[in-house]
Amino acid sequence: MYITTLLLFVIAPAALAAFLLWRAYQLATGKRVELTRQWIVRPPEGIEGCARLFAWRDLLFAASLLLALGLLLSLPHYAAAWIPLMALGGFVHQGFTGYALARLRKKPPR
């Protein structure tokens, strides 16, 4: 039981935050802009131009995960408040993705 709790509330968010920080770095430096197509069903043309926006998206989500994890470890009595913070980071992440896709769909074709 304790191992499951540790995996679910500590290790999984820390691993996801590390992955998102790596991906944000790759997108921001322009080394791997094809990562913008990752996990998007039928990505529109020109989505690689949103690599910086996606880098900010990943950076903010990783920061919210690390903030929630730090607060959870330092103030465990308030876990009921910190766990929704992780979920809120997910909504912000999806909002950035939706904004980028809507912006690309509005662009007139060249």
PDB file of N, CA and C in Angstrom:
ATOM      1  N   MET A   1       0.817  -1.189   0.000  1.00  0.00           N
ATOM      2  CA  MET A   1       0.000   0.000   0.000  1.00  0.00           C
ATOM      3  C   MET A   1       0.870   1.266   0.000  1.00  0.00           C
ATOM      4  N   TYR A   2       1.897   1.262   0.834  1.00  0.00           N
ATOM      5  CA  TYR A   2       2.772   2.426   0.922  1.00  0.00           C
ATOM      6  C   TYR A   2       3.544   2.635  -0.384  1.00  0.00           C
ATOM      7  N   ILE A   3       3.970   1.536  -1.013  1.00  0.00           N
ATOM      8  CA  ILE A   3       4.707   1.624  -2.277  1.00  0.00           C
ATOM      9  C   ILE A   3       3.817   2.214  -3.365  1.00  0.00           C
ATOM     10  N   THR A   4       2.571   1.799  -3.413  1.00  0.00           N
ATOM     11  CA  THR A   4       1.639   2.314  -4.415  1.00  0.00           C
ATOM     12  C   THR A   4       1.422   3.809  -4.229  1.00  0.00           C
ATOM     13  N   THR A   5       1.247   4.233  -3.008  1.00  0.00           N
ATOM     14  CA  THR A   5       1.067   5.656  -2.722  1.00  0.00           C
ATOM     15  C   THR A   5       2.305   6.443  -3.119  1.00  0.00           C
ATOM     16  N   LEU A   6       3.459   5.921  -2.792  1.00  0.00           N
ATOM     17  CA  LEU A   6       4.708   6.582  -3.154  1.00  0.00           C
ATOM     18  C   LEU A   6       4.850   6.696  -4.668  1.00  0.00           C
ATOM     19  N   LEU A   7       4.549   5.626  -5.378  1.00  0.00           N
ATOM     20  CA  LEU A   7       4.629   5.651  -6.839  1.00  0.00           C
ATOM     21  C   LEU A   7       3.647   6.646  -7.437  1.00  0.00           C
ATOM     22  N   LEU A   8       2.425   6.640  -6.942  1.00  0.00           N
ATOM     23  CA  LEU A   8       1.367   7.459  -7.522  1.00  0.00           C
ATOM     24  C   LEU A   8       1.546   8.946  -7.248  1.00  0.00           C
ATOM     25  N   PHE A   9       1.922   9.305  -6.039  1.00  0.00           N
ATOM     26  CA  PHE A   9       1.951  10.713  -5.668  1.00  0.00           C
ATOM     27  C   PHE A   9       3.330  11.360  -5.671  1.00  0.00           C
ATOM     28  N   VAL A  10       4.399  10.586  -5.759  1.00  0.00           N
ATOM     29  CA  VAL A  10       5.738  11.176  -5.724  1.00  0.00           C
ATOM     30  C   VAL A  10       6.529  10.841  -6.987  1.00  0.00           C
ATOM     31  N   ILE A  11       6.693   9.580  -7.273  1.00  0.00           N
ATOM     32  CA  ILE A  11       7.576   9.182  -8.370  1.00  0.00           C
ATOM     33  C   ILE A  11       6.976   9.501  -9.736  1.00  0.00           C
ATOM     34  N   ALA A  12       5.706   9.212  -9.933  1.00  0.00           N
ATOM     35  CA  ALA A  12       5.080   9.477 -11.235  1.00  0.00           C
ATOM     36  C   ALA A  12       5.086  10.971 -11.587  1.00  0.00           C
ATOM     37  N   PRO A  13       4.670  11.887 -10.680  1.00  0.00           N
ATOM     38  CA  PRO A  13       4.750  13.309 -11.025  1.00  0.00           C
ATOM     39  C   PRO A  13       6.184  13.798 -11.246  1.00  0.00           C
ATOM     40  N   ALA A  14       7.130  13.283 -10.462  1.00  0.00           N
ATOM     41  CA  ALA A  14       8.527  13.699 -10.643  1.00  0.00           C
ATOM     42  C   ALA A  14       9.067  13.222 -11.987  1.00  0.00           C
ATOM     43  N   ALA A  15       8.736  12.002 -12.374  1.00  0.00           N
ATOM     44  CA  ALA A  15       9.196  11.482 -13.667  1.00  0.00           C
ATOM     45  C   ALA A  15       8.549  12.243 -14.819  1.00  0.00           C
ATOM     46  N   LEU A  16       7.263  12.541 -14.711  1.00  0.00           N
ATOM     47  CA  LEU A  16       6.588  13.300 -15.762  1.00  0.00           C
ATOM     48  C   LEU A  16       7.160  14.707 -15.861  1.00  0.00           C
ATOM     49  N   ALA A  17       7.452  15.334 -14.727  1.00  0.00           N
ATOM     50  CA  ALA A  17       8.046  16.672 -14.741  1.00  0.00           C
ATOM     51  C   ALA A  17       9.425  16.648 -15.393  1.00  0.00           C
ATOM     52  N   ALA A  18      10.223  15.632 -15.098  1.00  0.00           N
ATOM     53  CA  ALA A  18      11.545  15.522 -15.728  1.00  0.00           C
ATOM     54  C   ALA A  18      11.414  15.350 -17.236  1.00  0.00           C
ATOM     55  N   PHE A  19      10.480  14.523 -17.678  1.00  0.00           N
ATOM     56  CA  PHE A  19      10.266  14.338 -19.110  1.00  0.00           C
ATOM     57  C   PHE A  19       9.810  15.638 -19.768  1.00  0.00           C
ATOM     58  N   LEU A  20       8.890  16.357 -19.127  1.00  0.00           N
ATOM     59  CA  LEU A  20       8.391  17.603 -19.711  1.00  0.00           C
ATOM     60  C   LEU A  20       9.471  18.676 -19.760  1.00  0.00           C
ATOM     61  N   LEU A  21      10.340  18.719 -18.758  1.00  0.00           N
ATOM     62  CA  LEU A  21      11.454  19.674 -18.798  1.00  0.00           C
ATOM     63  C   LEU A  21      12.407  19.344 -19.938  1.00  0.00           C
ATOM     64  N   TRP A  22      12.682  18.058 -20.148  1.00  0.00           N
ATOM     65  CA  TRP A  22      13.538  17.653 -21.262  1.00  0.00           C
ATOM     66  C   TRP A  22      12.897  18.047 -22.585  1.00  0.00           C
ATOM     67  N   ARG A  23      11.595  17.785 -22.722  1.00  0.00           N
ATOM     68  CA  ARG A  23      10.915  18.093 -23.978  1.00  0.00           C
ATOM     69  C   ARG A  23      10.821  19.600 -24.204  1.00  0.00           C
ATOM     70  N   ALA A  24      10.609  20.375 -23.145  1.00  0.00           N
ATOM     71  CA  ALA A  24      10.575  21.831 -23.283  1.00  0.00           C
ATOM     72  C   ALA A  24      11.927  22.353 -23.758  1.00  0.00           C
ATOM     73  N   TYR A  25      12.999  21.795 -23.234  1.00  0.00           N
ATOM     74  CA  TYR A  25      14.336  22.199 -23.676  1.00  0.00           C
ATOM     75  C   TYR A  25      14.540  21.867 -25.154  1.00  0.00           C
ATOM     76  N   GLN A  26      14.141  20.668 -25.553  1.00  0.00           N
ATOM     77  CA  GLN A  26      14.307  20.257 -26.946  1.00  0.00           C
ATOM     78  C   GLN A  26      13.500  21.151 -27.887  1.00  0.00           C
ATOM     79  N   LEU A  27      12.295  21.516 -27.494  1.00  0.00           N
ATOM     80  CA  LEU A  27      11.448  22.361 -28.335  1.00  0.00           C
ATOM     81  C   LEU A  27      11.951  23.799 -28.371  1.00  0.00           C
ATOM     82  N   ALA A  28      12.393  24.319 -27.238  1.00  0.00           N
ATOM     83  CA  ALA A  28      12.820  25.717 -27.171  1.00  0.00           C
ATOM     84  C   ALA A  28      14.101  25.963 -27.947  1.00  0.00           C
ATOM     85  N   THR A  29      14.998  25.004 -27.940  1.00  0.00           N
ATOM     86  CA  THR A  29      16.257  25.200 -28.651  1.00  0.00           C
ATOM     87  C   THR A  29      16.144  24.874 -30.131  1.00  0.00           C
ATOM     88  N   GLY A  30      15.021  24.324 -30.542  1.00  0.00           N
ATOM     89  CA  GLY A  30      14.817  24.025 -31.956  1.00  0.00           C
ATOM     90  C   GLY A  30      15.477  22.753 -32.425  1.00  0.00           C
ATOM     91  N   LYS A  31      15.964  21.951 -31.499  1.00  0.00           N
ATOM     92  CA  LYS A  31      16.660  20.728 -31.898  1.00  0.00           C
ATOM     93  C   LYS A  31      15.695  19.659 -32.390  1.00  0.00           C
ATOM     94  N   ARG A  32      14.523  19.576 -31.776  1.00  0.00           N
ATOM     95  CA  ARG A  32      13.585  18.502 -32.119  1.00  0.00           C
ATOM     96  C   ARG A  32      12.178  19.075 -32.233  1.00  0.00           C
ATOM     97  N   VAL A  33      11.928  19.913 -33.223  1.00  0.00           N
ATOM     98  CA  VAL A  33      10.605  20.520 -33.364  1.00  0.00           C
ATOM     99  C   VAL A  33       9.549  19.507 -33.784  1.00  0.00           C
ATOM    100  N   GLU A  34       9.965  18.327 -34.231  1.00  0.00           N
ATOM    101  CA  GLU A  34       8.973  17.307 -34.584  1.00  0.00           C
ATOM    102  C   GLU A  34       8.229  16.790 -33.356  1.00  0.00           C
ATOM    103  N   LEU A  35       8.725  17.120 -32.167  1.00  0.00           N
ATOM    104  CA  LEU A  35       8.021  16.730 -30.945  1.00  0.00           C
ATOM    105  C   LEU A  35       6.684  17.453 -30.801  1.00  0.00           C
ATOM    106  N   THR A  36       6.467  18.520 -31.587  1.00  0.00           N
ATOM    107  CA  THR A  36       5.178  19.206 -31.530  1.00  0.00           C
ATOM    108  C   THR A  36       4.057  18.305 -32.024  1.00  0.00           C
ATOM    109  N   ARG A  37       4.382  17.344 -32.859  1.00  0.00           N
ATOM    110  CA  ARG A  37       3.364  16.428 -33.388  1.00  0.00           C
ATOM    111  C   ARG A  37       3.036  15.301 -32.413  1.00  0.00           C
ATOM    112  N   GLN A  38       3.783  15.197 -31.347  1.00  0.00           N
ATOM    113  CA  GLN A  38       3.612  14.100 -30.403  1.00  0.00           C
ATOM    114  C   GLN A  38       2.278  14.223 -29.670  1.00  0.00           C
ATOM    115  N   TRP A  39       1.512  13.154 -29.664  1.00  0.00           N
ATOM    116  CA  TRP A  39       0.247  13.028 -28.938  1.00  0.00           C
ATOM    117  C   TRP A  39      -0.873  13.900 -29.483  1.00  0.00           C
ATOM    118  N   ILE A  40      -0.751  14.443 -30.675  1.00  0.00           N
ATOM    119  CA  ILE A  40      -1.833  15.219 -31.273  1.00  0.00           C
ATOM    120  C   ILE A  40      -2.373  14.418 -32.449  1.00  0.00           C
ATOM    121  N   VAL A  41      -3.647  14.127 -32.406  1.00  0.00           N
ATOM    122  CA  VAL A  41      -4.277  13.364 -33.480  1.00  0.00           C
ATOM    123  C   VAL A  41      -4.466  14.289 -34.679  1.00  0.00           C
ATOM    124  N   ARG A  42      -3.999  13.869 -35.821  1.00  0.00           N
ATOM    125  CA  ARG A  42      -4.074  14.637 -37.067  1.00  0.00           C
ATOM    126  C   ARG A  42      -3.579  16.078 -36.880  1.00  0.00           C
ATOM    127  N   PRO A  43      -2.312  16.262 -36.576  1.00  0.00           N
ATOM    128  CA  PRO A  43      -1.801  17.624 -36.379  1.00  0.00           C
ATOM    129  C   PRO A  43      -1.847  18.411 -37.689  1.00  0.00           C
ATOM    130  N   PRO A  44      -2.221  19.688 -37.628  1.00  0.00           N
ATOM    131  CA  PRO A  44      -2.290  20.497 -38.842  1.00  0.00           C
ATOM    132  C   PRO A  44      -0.901  20.846 -39.370  1.00  0.00           C
ATOM    133  N   GLU A  45      -0.869  21.245 -40.619  1.00  0.00           N
ATOM    134  CA  GLU A  45       0.395  21.677 -41.222  1.00  0.00           C
ATOM    135  C   GLU A  45       0.891  22.940 -40.524  1.00  0.00           C
ATOM    136  N   GLY A  46       2.180  23.046 -40.373  1.00  0.00           N
ATOM    137  CA  GLY A  46       2.783  24.223 -39.769  1.00  0.00           C
ATOM    138  C   GLY A  46       2.824  24.202 -38.257  1.00  0.00           C
ATOM    139  N   ILE A  47       2.500  23.078 -37.669  1.00  0.00           N
ATOM    140  CA  ILE A  47       2.487  23.008 -36.201  1.00  0.00           C
ATOM    141  C   ILE A  47       3.898  23.154 -35.629  1.00  0.00           C
ATOM    142  N   GLU A  48       4.907  22.878 -36.443  1.00  0.00           N
ATOM    143  CA  GLU A  48       6.285  23.031 -35.971  1.00  0.00           C
ATOM    144  C   GLU A  48       6.595  24.486 -35.627  1.00  0.00           C
ATOM    145  N   GLY A  49       5.857  25.423 -36.210  1.00  0.00           N
ATOM    146  CA  GLY A  49       6.045  26.836 -35.894  1.00  0.00           C
ATOM    147  C   GLY A  49       5.613  27.193 -34.479  1.00  0.00           C
ATOM    148  N   CYS A  50       4.860  26.327 -33.858  1.00  0.00           N
ATOM    149  CA  CYS A  50       4.392  26.550 -32.482  1.00  0.00           C
ATOM    150  C   CYS A  50       5.305  25.889 -31.460  1.00  0.00           C
ATOM    151  N   ALA A  51       6.511  25.545 -31.846  1.00  0.00           N
ATOM    152  CA  ALA A  51       7.412  24.816 -30.944  1.00  0.00           C
ATOM    153  C   ALA A  51       7.704  25.617 -29.678  1.00  0.00           C
ATOM    154  N   ARG A  52       7.898  26.921 -29.809  1.00  0.00           N
ATOM    155  CA  ARG A  52       8.176  27.744 -28.617  1.00  0.00           C
ATOM    156  C   ARG A  52       6.972  27.784 -27.683  1.00  0.00           C
ATOM    157  N   LEU A  53       5.777  27.908 -28.266  1.00  0.00           N
ATOM    158  CA  LEU A  53       4.567  27.903 -27.450  1.00  0.00           C
ATOM    159  C   LEU A  53       4.422  26.578 -26.717  1.00  0.00           C
ATOM    160  N   PHE A  54       4.724  25.490 -27.404  1.00  0.00           N
ATOM    161  CA  PHE A  54       4.643  24.175 -26.775  1.00  0.00           C
ATOM    162  C   PHE A  54       5.731  24.007 -25.718  1.00  0.00           C
ATOM    163  N   ALA A  55       6.875  24.651 -25.916  1.00  0.00           N
ATOM    164  CA  ALA A  55       7.925  24.605 -24.895  1.00  0.00           C
ATOM    165  C   ALA A  55       7.446  25.300 -23.622  1.00  0.00           C
ATOM    166  N   TRP A  56       6.799  26.447 -23.768  1.00  0.00           N
ATOM    167  CA  TRP A  56       6.247  27.131 -22.604  1.00  0.00           C
ATOM    168  C   TRP A  56       5.166  26.295 -21.946  1.00  0.00           C
ATOM    169  N   ARG A  57       4.359  25.639 -22.768  1.00  0.00           N
ATOM    170  CA  ARG A  57       3.303  24.768 -22.246  1.00  0.00           C
ATOM    171  C   ARG A  57       3.899  23.674 -21.363  1.00  0.00           C
ATOM    172  N   ASP A  58       4.917  23.005 -21.874  1.00  0.00           N
ATOM    173  CA  ASP A  58       5.538  21.918 -21.122  1.00  0.00           C
ATOM    174  C   ASP A  58       6.254  22.434 -19.881  1.00  0.00           C
ATOM    175  N   LEU A  59       6.883  23.598 -19.999  1.00  0.00           N
ATOM    176  CA  LEU A  59       7.590  24.182 -18.860  1.00  0.00           C
ATOM    177  C   LEU A  59       6.618  24.542 -17.733  1.00  0.00           C
ATOM    178  N   LEU A  60       5.485  25.140 -18.079  1.00  0.00           N
ATOM    179  CA  LEU A  60       4.504  25.494 -17.052  1.00  0.00           C
ATOM    180  C   LEU A  60       3.897  24.265 -16.389  1.00  0.00           C
ATOM    181  N   PHE A  61       3.633  23.222 -17.174  1.00  0.00           N
ATOM    182  CA  PHE A  61       3.063  22.012 -16.591  1.00  0.00           C
ATOM    183  C   PHE A  61       4.080  21.333 -15.677  1.00  0.00           C
ATOM    184  N   ALA A  62       5.342  21.291 -16.093  1.00  0.00           N
ATOM    185  CA  ALA A  62       6.381  20.700 -15.243  1.00  0.00           C
ATOM    186  C   ALA A  62       6.535  21.506 -13.957  1.00  0.00           C
ATOM    187  N   ALA A  63       6.472  22.830 -14.068  1.00  0.00           N
ATOM    188  CA  ALA A  63       6.583  23.667 -12.871  1.00  0.00           C
ATOM    189  C   ALA A  63       5.414  23.430 -11.919  1.00  0.00           C
ATOM    190  N   SER A  64       4.210  23.275 -12.465  1.00  0.00           N
ATOM    191  CA  SER A  64       3.065  23.023 -11.581  1.00  0.00           C
ATOM    192  C   SER A  64       3.182  21.658 -10.909  1.00  0.00           C
ATOM    193  N   LEU A  65       3.698  20.666 -11.632  1.00  0.00           N
ATOM    194  CA  LEU A  65       3.910  19.352 -11.020  1.00  0.00           C
ATOM    195  C   LEU A  65       4.951  19.416  -9.913  1.00  0.00           C
ATOM    196  N   LEU A  66       6.057  20.106 -10.182  1.00  0.00           N
ATOM    197  CA  LEU A  66       7.108  20.210  -9.169  1.00  0.00           C
ATOM    198  C   LEU A  66       6.657  21.036  -7.971  1.00  0.00           C
ATOM    199  N   LEU A  67       5.875  22.083  -8.220  1.00  0.00           N
ATOM    200  CA  LEU A  67       5.337  22.883  -7.121  1.00  0.00           C
ATOM    201  C   LEU A  67       4.397  22.049  -6.257  1.00  0.00           C
ATOM    202  N   ALA A  68       3.495  21.326  -6.897  1.00  0.00           N
ATOM    203  CA  ALA A  68       2.569  20.480  -6.138  1.00  0.00           C
ATOM    204  C   ALA A  68       3.321  19.395  -5.379  1.00  0.00           C
ATOM    205  N   LEU A  69       4.338  18.828  -6.008  1.00  0.00           N
ATOM    206  CA  LEU A  69       5.124  17.787  -5.350  1.00  0.00           C
ATOM    207  C   LEU A  69       5.889  18.349  -4.151  1.00  0.00           C
ATOM    208  N   GLY A  70       6.490  19.515  -4.326  1.00  0.00           N
ATOM    209  CA  GLY A  70       7.200  20.148  -3.215  1.00  0.00           C
ATOM    210  C   GLY A  70       6.274  20.505  -2.067  1.00  0.00           C
ATOM    211  N   LEU A  71       5.106  21.038  -2.393  1.00  0.00           N
ATOM    212  CA  LEU A  71       4.141  21.361  -1.344  1.00  0.00           C
ATOM    213  C   LEU A  71       3.603  20.105  -0.671  1.00  0.00           C
ATOM    214  N   LEU A  72       3.405  19.057  -1.454  1.00  0.00           N
ATOM    215  CA  LEU A  72       2.918  17.795  -0.893  1.00  0.00           C
ATOM    216  C   LEU A  72       3.934  17.193   0.073  1.00  0.00           C
ATOM    217  N   LEU A  73       5.214  17.296  -0.277  1.00  0.00           N
ATOM    218  CA  LEU A  73       6.249  16.741   0.597  1.00  0.00           C
ATOM    219  C   LEU A  73       6.521  17.619   1.817  1.00  0.00           C
ATOM    220  N   SER A  74       6.399  18.937   1.657  1.00  0.00           N
ATOM    221  CA  SER A  74       6.694  19.818   2.787  1.00  0.00           C
ATOM    222  C   SER A  74       5.488  20.026   3.705  1.00  0.00           C
ATOM    223  N   LEU A  75       4.295  19.996   3.157  1.00  0.00           N
ATOM    224  CA  LEU A  75       3.076  20.179   3.954  1.00  0.00           C
ATOM    225  C   LEU A  75       2.085  19.061   3.631  1.00  0.00           C
ATOM    226  N   PRO A  76       2.358  17.842   4.071  1.00  0.00           N
ATOM    227  CA  PRO A  76       1.505  16.712   3.673  1.00  0.00           C
ATOM    228  C   PRO A  76       0.090  16.764   4.247  1.00  0.00           C
ATOM    229  N   HIS A  77      -0.139  17.563   5.281  1.00  0.00           N
ATOM    230  CA  HIS A  77      -1.482  17.638   5.859  1.00  0.00           C
ATOM    231  C   HIS A  77      -2.468  18.308   4.910  1.00  0.00           C
ATOM    232  N   TYR A  78      -1.946  19.082   3.962  1.00  0.00           N
ATOM    233  CA  TYR A  78      -2.807  19.781   3.012  1.00  0.00           C
ATOM    234  C   TYR A  78      -2.837  19.082   1.652  1.00  0.00           C
ATOM    235  N   ALA A  79      -2.658  17.785   1.643  1.00  0.00           N
ATOM    236  CA  ALA A  79      -2.610  17.023   0.387  1.00  0.00           C
ATOM    237  C   ALA A  79      -3.883  17.191  -0.427  1.00  0.00           C
ATOM    238  N   ALA A  80      -4.997  17.359   0.235  1.00  0.00           N
ATOM    239  CA  ALA A  80      -6.262  17.536  -0.486  1.00  0.00           C
ATOM    240  C   ALA A  80      -6.260  18.818  -1.314  1.00  0.00           C
ATOM    241  N   ALA A  81      -5.438  19.785  -0.953  1.00  0.00           N
ATOM    242  CA  ALA A  81      -5.352  21.028  -1.723  1.00  0.00           C
ATOM    243  C   ALA A  81      -4.286  20.952  -2.806  1.00  0.00           C
ATOM    244  N   TRP A  82      -3.216  20.197  -2.588  1.00  0.00           N
ATOM    245  CA  TRP A  82      -2.110  20.185  -3.541  1.00  0.00           C
ATOM    246  C   TRP A  82      -2.365  19.260  -4.727  1.00  0.00           C
ATOM    247  N   ILE A  83      -3.108  18.189  -4.502  1.00  0.00           N
ATOM    248  CA  ILE A  83      -3.376  17.252  -5.595  1.00  0.00           C
ATOM    249  C   ILE A  83      -4.211  17.909  -6.700  1.00  0.00           C
ATOM    250  N   PRO A  84      -5.236  18.723  -6.387  1.00  0.00           N
ATOM    251  CA  PRO A  84      -5.928  19.428  -7.475  1.00  0.00           C
ATOM    252  C   PRO A  84      -5.032  20.417  -8.220  1.00  0.00           C
ATOM    253  N   LEU A  85      -3.964  20.898  -7.583  1.00  0.00           N
ATOM    254  CA  LEU A  85      -3.020  21.771  -8.276  1.00  0.00           C
ATOM    255  C   LEU A  85      -2.366  21.035  -9.440  1.00  0.00           C
ATOM    256  N   MET A  86      -2.066  19.758  -9.247  1.00  0.00           N
ATOM    257  CA  MET A  86      -1.528  18.955 -10.346  1.00  0.00           C
ATOM    258  C   MET A  86      -2.547  18.852 -11.477  1.00  0.00           C
ATOM    259  N   ALA A  87      -3.800  18.658 -11.130  1.00  0.00           N
ATOM    260  CA  ALA A  87      -4.849  18.551 -12.147  1.00  0.00           C
ATOM    261  C   ALA A  87      -5.038  19.878 -12.874  1.00  0.00           C
ATOM    262  N   LEU A  88      -4.937  20.989 -12.161  1.00  0.00           N
ATOM    263  CA  LEU A  88      -5.066  22.298 -12.794  1.00  0.00           C
ATOM    264  C   LEU A  88      -3.954  22.510 -13.815  1.00  0.00           C
ATOM    265  N   GLY A  89      -2.766  22.027 -13.515  1.00  0.00           N
ATOM    266  CA  GLY A  89      -1.671  22.105 -14.485  1.00  0.00           C
ATOM    267  C   GLY A  89      -2.002  21.362 -15.761  1.00  0.00           C
ATOM    268  N   GLY A  90      -2.716  20.264 -15.647  1.00  0.00           N
ATOM    269  CA  GLY A  90      -3.138  19.513 -16.832  1.00  0.00           C
ATOM    270  C   GLY A  90      -4.110  20.303 -17.687  1.00  0.00           C
ATOM    271  N   PHE A  91      -5.028  21.036 -17.041  1.00  0.00           N
ATOM    272  CA  PHE A  91      -5.969  21.859 -17.803  1.00  0.00           C
ATOM    273  C   PHE A  91      -5.253  23.003 -18.516  1.00  0.00           C
ATOM    274  N   VAL A  92      -4.276  23.598 -17.870  1.00  0.00           N
ATOM    275  CA  VAL A  92      -3.483  24.655 -18.510  1.00  0.00           C
ATOM    276  C   VAL A  92      -2.732  24.082 -19.708  1.00  0.00           C
ATOM    277  N   HIS A  93      -2.185  22.888 -19.558  1.00  0.00           N
ATOM    278  CA  HIS A  93      -1.468  22.208 -20.637  1.00  0.00           C
ATOM    279  C   HIS A  93      -2.389  22.011 -21.840  1.00  0.00           C
ATOM    280  N   GLN A  94      -3.599  21.534 -21.611  1.00  0.00           N
ATOM    281  CA  GLN A  94      -4.551  21.326 -22.696  1.00  0.00           C
ATOM    282  C   GLN A  94      -5.009  22.650 -23.297  1.00  0.00           C
ATOM    283  N   GLY A  95      -5.104  23.687 -22.472  1.00  0.00           N
ATOM    284  CA  GLY A  95      -5.481  25.001 -22.980  1.00  0.00           C
ATOM    285  C   GLY A  95      -4.458  25.554 -23.954  1.00  0.00           C
ATOM    286  N   PHE A  96      -3.171  25.410 -23.645  1.00  0.00           N
ATOM    287  CA  PHE A  96      -2.121  25.843 -24.556  1.00  0.00           C
ATOM    288  C   PHE A  96      -2.202  25.081 -25.874  1.00  0.00           C
ATOM    289  N   THR A  97      -2.440  23.777 -25.792  1.00  0.00           N
ATOM    290  CA  THR A  97      -2.538  22.963 -27.004  1.00  0.00           C
ATOM    291  C   THR A  97      -3.726  23.402 -27.841  1.00  0.00           C
ATOM    292  N   GLY A  98      -4.859  23.609 -27.213  1.00  0.00           N
ATOM    293  CA  GLY A  98      -6.045  24.062 -27.941  1.00  0.00           C
ATOM    294  C   GLY A  98      -5.846  25.419 -28.578  1.00  0.00           C
ATOM    295  N   TYR A  99      -5.170  26.335 -27.872  1.00  0.00           N
ATOM    296  CA  TYR A  99      -4.896  27.657 -28.426  1.00  0.00           C
ATOM    297  C   TYR A  99      -4.018  27.558 -29.666  1.00  0.00           C
ATOM    298  N   ALA A 100      -2.973  26.747 -29.596  1.00  0.00           N
ATOM    299  CA  ALA A 100      -2.068  26.604 -30.742  1.00  0.00           C
ATOM    300  C   ALA A 100      -2.795  25.995 -31.934  1.00  0.00           C
ATOM    301  N   LEU A 101      -3.604  24.977 -31.701  1.00  0.00           N
ATOM    302  CA  LEU A 101      -4.333  24.348 -32.799  1.00  0.00           C
ATOM    303  C   LEU A 101      -5.368  25.291 -33.392  1.00  0.00           C
ATOM    304  N   ALA A 102      -6.056  26.065 -32.560  1.00  0.00           N
ATOM    305  CA  ALA A 102      -7.034  27.026 -33.069  1.00  0.00           C
ATOM    306  C   ALA A 102      -6.347  28.123 -33.869  1.00  0.00           C
ATOM    307  N   ARG A 103      -5.189  28.559 -33.407  1.00  0.00           N
ATOM    308  CA  ARG A 103      -4.445  29.596 -34.130  1.00  0.00           C
ATOM    309  C   ARG A 103      -3.999  29.097 -35.494  1.00  0.00           C
ATOM    310  N   LEU A 104      -3.586  27.845 -35.566  1.00  0.00           N
ATOM    311  CA  LEU A 104      -3.155  27.292 -36.845  1.00  0.00           C
ATOM    312  C   LEU A 104      -4.327  27.084 -37.795  1.00  0.00           C
ATOM    313  N   ARG A 105      -5.462  26.736 -37.279  1.00  0.00           N
ATOM    314  CA  ARG A 105      -6.628  26.512 -38.142  1.00  0.00           C
ATOM    315  C   ARG A 105      -7.192  27.820 -38.673  1.00  0.00           C
ATOM    316  N   LYS A 106      -6.971  28.934 -37.977  1.00  0.00           N
ATOM    317  CA  LYS A 106      -7.451  30.238 -38.432  1.00  0.00           C
ATOM    318  C   LYS A 106      -6.563  30.840 -39.510  1.00  0.00           C
ATOM    319  N   LYS A 107      -5.293  30.429 -39.556  1.00  0.00           N
ATOM    320  CA  LYS A 107      -4.358  31.000 -40.525  1.00  0.00           C
ATOM    321  C   LYS A 107      -4.815  30.695 -41.941  1.00  0.00           C
ATOM    322  N   PRO A 108      -4.801  31.701 -42.805  1.00  0.00           N
ATOM    323  CA  PRO A 108      -5.138  31.413 -44.203  1.00  0.00           C
ATOM    324  C   PRO A 108      -3.996  30.651 -44.873  1.00  0.00           C
ATOM    325  N   PRO A 109      -4.312  29.727 -45.768  1.00  0.00           N
ATOM    326  CA  PRO A 109      -3.240  28.986 -46.448  1.00  0.00           C
ATOM    327  C   PRO A 109      -2.450  29.894 -47.374  1.00  0.00           C
ATOM    328  N   ARG A 110      -1.172  29.631 -47.497  1.00  0.00           N
ATOM    329  CA  ARG A 110      -0.304  30.458 -48.355  1.00  0.00           C
ATOM    330  C   ARG A 110      -0.191  29.873 -49.727  1.00  0.00           C
TER     331      ARG A 110
END
